[in-house]
């Protein structure tokens, strides 16, 4: 009988909040949400650094290709970007072009 009263009061307090629990729950939700956002932001830092370095590599490679424009007469923009992606991803180890 006593156990039933304890169980009923426990489930009733979970389902129907008393006025004293409202501010605490909001406070815990705000703290948990803030903590989650901070952890997500910390986990994004390495990804953003890698993207920054890759974009810098891409821009420098495109600039290098454009400097060699006189040797690459038949190349369009997509071909140049494709070469730059290959260089920055590591598929092309040295950007030395052999033109015929």
C-alpha atoms as a PDB file:
ATOM      1  CA  UNK A   1       0.000   0.000   0.000  1.00  0.00           C
ATOM      2  CA  UNK A   2       2.760   2.426   0.897  1.00  0.00           C
ATOM      3  CA  UNK A   3       4.709   1.422  -2.201  1.00  0.00           C
ATOM      4  CA  UNK A   4       1.669   2.126  -4.400  1.00  0.00           C
ATOM      5  CA  UNK A   5       1.347   5.616  -2.902  1.00  0.00           C
ATOM      6  CA  UNK A   6       5.025   6.313  -3.535  1.00  0.00           C
ATOM      7  CA  UNK A   7       4.814   5.035  -7.112  1.00  0.00           C
ATOM      8  CA  UNK A   8       1.609   6.986  -7.792  1.00  0.00           C
ATOM      9  CA  UNK A   9       3.032  10.182  -6.342  1.00  0.00           C
ATOM     10  CA  UNK A  10       6.239   9.691  -8.374  1.00  0.00           C
ATOM     11  CA  UNK A  11       4.404   9.216 -11.684  1.00  0.00           C
ATOM     12  CA  UNK A  12       1.996  12.029 -10.877  1.00  0.00           C
ATOM     13  CA  UNK A  13       4.902  14.367 -10.194  1.00  0.00           C
ATOM     14  CA  UNK A  14       6.509  13.365 -13.494  1.00  0.00           C
ATOM     15  CA  UNK A  15       3.362  13.881 -15.544  1.00  0.00           C
ATOM     16  CA  UNK A  16       1.968  16.906 -13.719  1.00  0.00           C
ATOM     17  CA  UNK A  17       4.717  19.278 -12.664  1.00  0.00           C
ATOM     18  CA  UNK A  18       4.405  21.173  -9.459  1.00  0.00           C
ATOM     19  CA  UNK A  19       5.031  24.933  -9.617  1.00  0.00           C
ATOM     20  CA  UNK A  20       8.392  24.432  -7.900  1.00  0.00           C
ATOM     21  CA  UNK A  21       9.818  22.217 -10.664  1.00  0.00           C
ATOM     22  CA  UNK A  22       9.062  24.509 -13.633  1.00  0.00           C
ATOM     23  CA  UNK A  23      11.950  26.990 -13.248  1.00  0.00           C
ATOM     24  CA  UNK A  24      14.432  24.199 -12.487  1.00  0.00           C
ATOM     25  CA  UNK A  25      13.501  22.245 -15.593  1.00  0.00           C
ATOM     26  CA  UNK A  26      13.868  25.327 -17.770  1.00  0.00           C
ATOM     27  CA  UNK A  27      17.249  26.047 -16.191  1.00  0.00           C
ATOM     28  CA  UNK A  28      18.445  22.469 -16.820  1.00  0.00           C
ATOM     29  CA  UNK A  29      17.208  22.575 -20.422  1.00  0.00           C
ATOM     30  CA  UNK A  30      19.067  25.837 -21.053  1.00  0.00           C
ATOM     31  CA  UNK A  31      22.259  24.469 -19.502  1.00  0.00           C
ATOM     32  CA  UNK A  32      22.010  21.232 -21.491  1.00  0.00           C
ATOM     33  CA  UNK A  33      21.290  23.060 -24.753  1.00  0.00           C
ATOM     34  CA  UNK A  34      24.170  25.466 -24.207  1.00  0.00           C
ATOM     35  CA  UNK A  35      26.532  22.597 -23.433  1.00  0.00           C
ATOM     36  CA  UNK A  36      25.446  20.730 -26.565  1.00  0.00           C
ATOM     37  CA  UNK A  37      25.934  23.799 -28.771  1.00  0.00           C
ATOM     38  CA  UNK A  38      29.412  24.415 -27.317  1.00  0.00           C
ATOM     39  CA  UNK A  39      30.424  20.795 -27.941  1.00  0.00           C
ATOM     40  CA  UNK A  40      29.137  20.950 -31.518  1.00  0.00           C
ATOM     41  CA  UNK A  41      31.080  24.159 -32.124  1.00  0.00           C
ATOM     42  CA  UNK A  42      34.261  22.617 -30.711  1.00  0.00           C
ATOM     43  CA  UNK A  43      33.858  19.557 -32.934  1.00  0.00           C
ATOM     44  CA  UNK A  44      33.466  21.758 -36.051  1.00  0.00           C
ATOM     45  CA  UNK A  45      36.786  23.600 -35.541  1.00  0.00           C
ATOM     46  CA  UNK A  46      39.015  20.909 -37.171  1.00  0.00           C
ATOM     47  CA  UNK A  47      36.631  20.626 -40.124  1.00  0.00           C
ATOM     48  CA  UNK A  48      36.652  24.378 -40.716  1.00  0.00           C
ATOM     49  CA  UNK A  49      40.457  24.505 -40.509  1.00  0.00           C
ATOM     50  CA  UNK A  50      40.769  21.722 -43.085  1.00  0.00           C
ATOM     51  CA  UNK A  51      38.285  23.485 -45.377  1.00  0.00           C
ATOM     52  CA  UNK A  52      40.210  26.753 -45.022  1.00  0.00           C
ATOM     53  CA  UNK A  53      43.506  25.115 -45.999  1.00  0.00           C
ATOM     54  CA  UNK A  54      41.891  23.243 -48.891  1.00  0.00           C
ATOM     55  CA  UNK A  55      40.299  26.442 -50.240  1.00  0.00           C
ATOM     56  CA  UNK A  56      43.626  28.230 -49.974  1.00  0.00           C
ATOM     57  CA  UNK A  57      45.332  25.383 -51.863  1.00  0.00           C
ATOM     58  CA  UNK A  58      42.623  25.512 -54.535  1.00  0.00           C
ATOM     59  CA  UNK A  59      42.959  29.278 -55.001  1.00  0.00           C
ATOM     60  CA  UNK A  60      46.763  29.112 -55.179  1.00  0.00           C
ATOM     61  CA  UNK A  61      46.637  26.256 -57.691  1.00  0.00           C
ATOM     62  CA  UNK A  62      44.149  28.114 -59.895  1.00  0.00           C
ATOM     63  CA  UNK A  63      46.395  31.189 -59.707  1.00  0.00           C
ATOM     64  CA  UNK A  64      49.415  29.054 -60.708  1.00  0.00           C
ATOM     65  CA  UNK A  65      47.497  27.549 -63.633  1.00  0.00           C
ATOM     66  CA  UNK A  66      46.397  31.011 -64.800  1.00  0.00           C
ATOM     67  CA  UNK A  67      50.027  32.180 -64.756  1.00  0.00           C
ATOM     68  CA  UNK A  68      50.837  29.353 -67.195  1.00  0.00           C
ATOM     69  CA  UNK A  69      47.939  30.416 -69.424  1.00  0.00           C
ATOM     70  CA  UNK A  70      50.093  30.715 -72.548  1.00  0.00           C
ATOM     71  CA  UNK A  71      50.897  26.983 -72.394  1.00  0.00           C
ATOM     72  CA  UNK A  72      47.287  25.986 -71.680  1.00  0.00           C
ATOM     73  CA  UNK A  73      45.418  27.561 -74.576  1.00  0.00           C
ATOM     74  CA  UNK A  74      42.845  24.803 -75.011  1.00  0.00           C
ATOM     75  CA  UNK A  75      41.900  24.466 -71.347  1.00  0.00           C
ATOM     76  CA  UNK A  76      38.549  25.771 -70.161  1.00  0.00           C
ATOM     77  CA  UNK A  77      37.621  26.787 -66.611  1.00  0.00           C
ATOM     78  CA  UNK A  78      36.299  23.329 -65.650  1.00  0.00           C
ATOM     79  CA  UNK A  79      39.494  21.604 -66.773  1.00  0.00           C
ATOM     80  CA  UNK A  80      41.580  24.019 -64.710  1.00  0.00           C
ATOM     81  CA  UNK A  81      39.369  23.493 -61.656  1.00  0.00           C
ATOM     82  CA  UNK A  82      39.576  19.735 -62.121  1.00  0.00           C
ATOM     83  CA  UNK A  83      43.370  19.880 -62.093  1.00  0.00           C
ATOM     84  CA  UNK A  84      43.289  22.113 -58.999  1.00  0.00           C
ATOM     85  CA  UNK A  85      41.023  19.651 -57.177  1.00  0.00           C
ATOM     86  CA  UNK A  86      43.380  16.809 -58.054  1.00  0.00           C
ATOM     87  CA  UNK A  87      46.391  18.731 -56.761  1.00  0.00           C
ATOM     88  CA  UNK A  88      44.690  19.724 -53.497  1.00  0.00           C
ATOM     89  CA  UNK A  89      43.308  16.230 -52.877  1.00  0.00           C
ATOM     90  CA  UNK A  90      46.720  14.665 -53.397  1.00  0.00           C
ATOM     91  CA  UNK A  91      46.066  12.913 -56.692  1.00  0.00           C
ATOM     92  CA  UNK A  92      48.681  15.033 -58.485  1.00  0.00           C
ATOM     93  CA  UNK A  93      51.863  15.228 -56.474  1.00  0.00           C
ATOM     94  CA  UNK A  94      53.750  17.854 -58.431  1.00  0.00           C
ATOM     95  CA  UNK A  95      51.947  20.424 -60.529  1.00  0.00           C
ATOM     96  CA  UNK A  96      54.333  20.120 -63.489  1.00  0.00           C
ATOM     97  CA  UNK A  97      52.393  20.197 -66.700  1.00  0.00           C
ATOM     98  CA  UNK A  98      53.668  18.445 -69.748  1.00  0.00           C
ATOM     99  CA  UNK A  99      52.060  20.012 -72.776  1.00  0.00           C
ATOM    100  CA  UNK A 100      52.553  18.724 -76.301  1.00  0.00           C
END
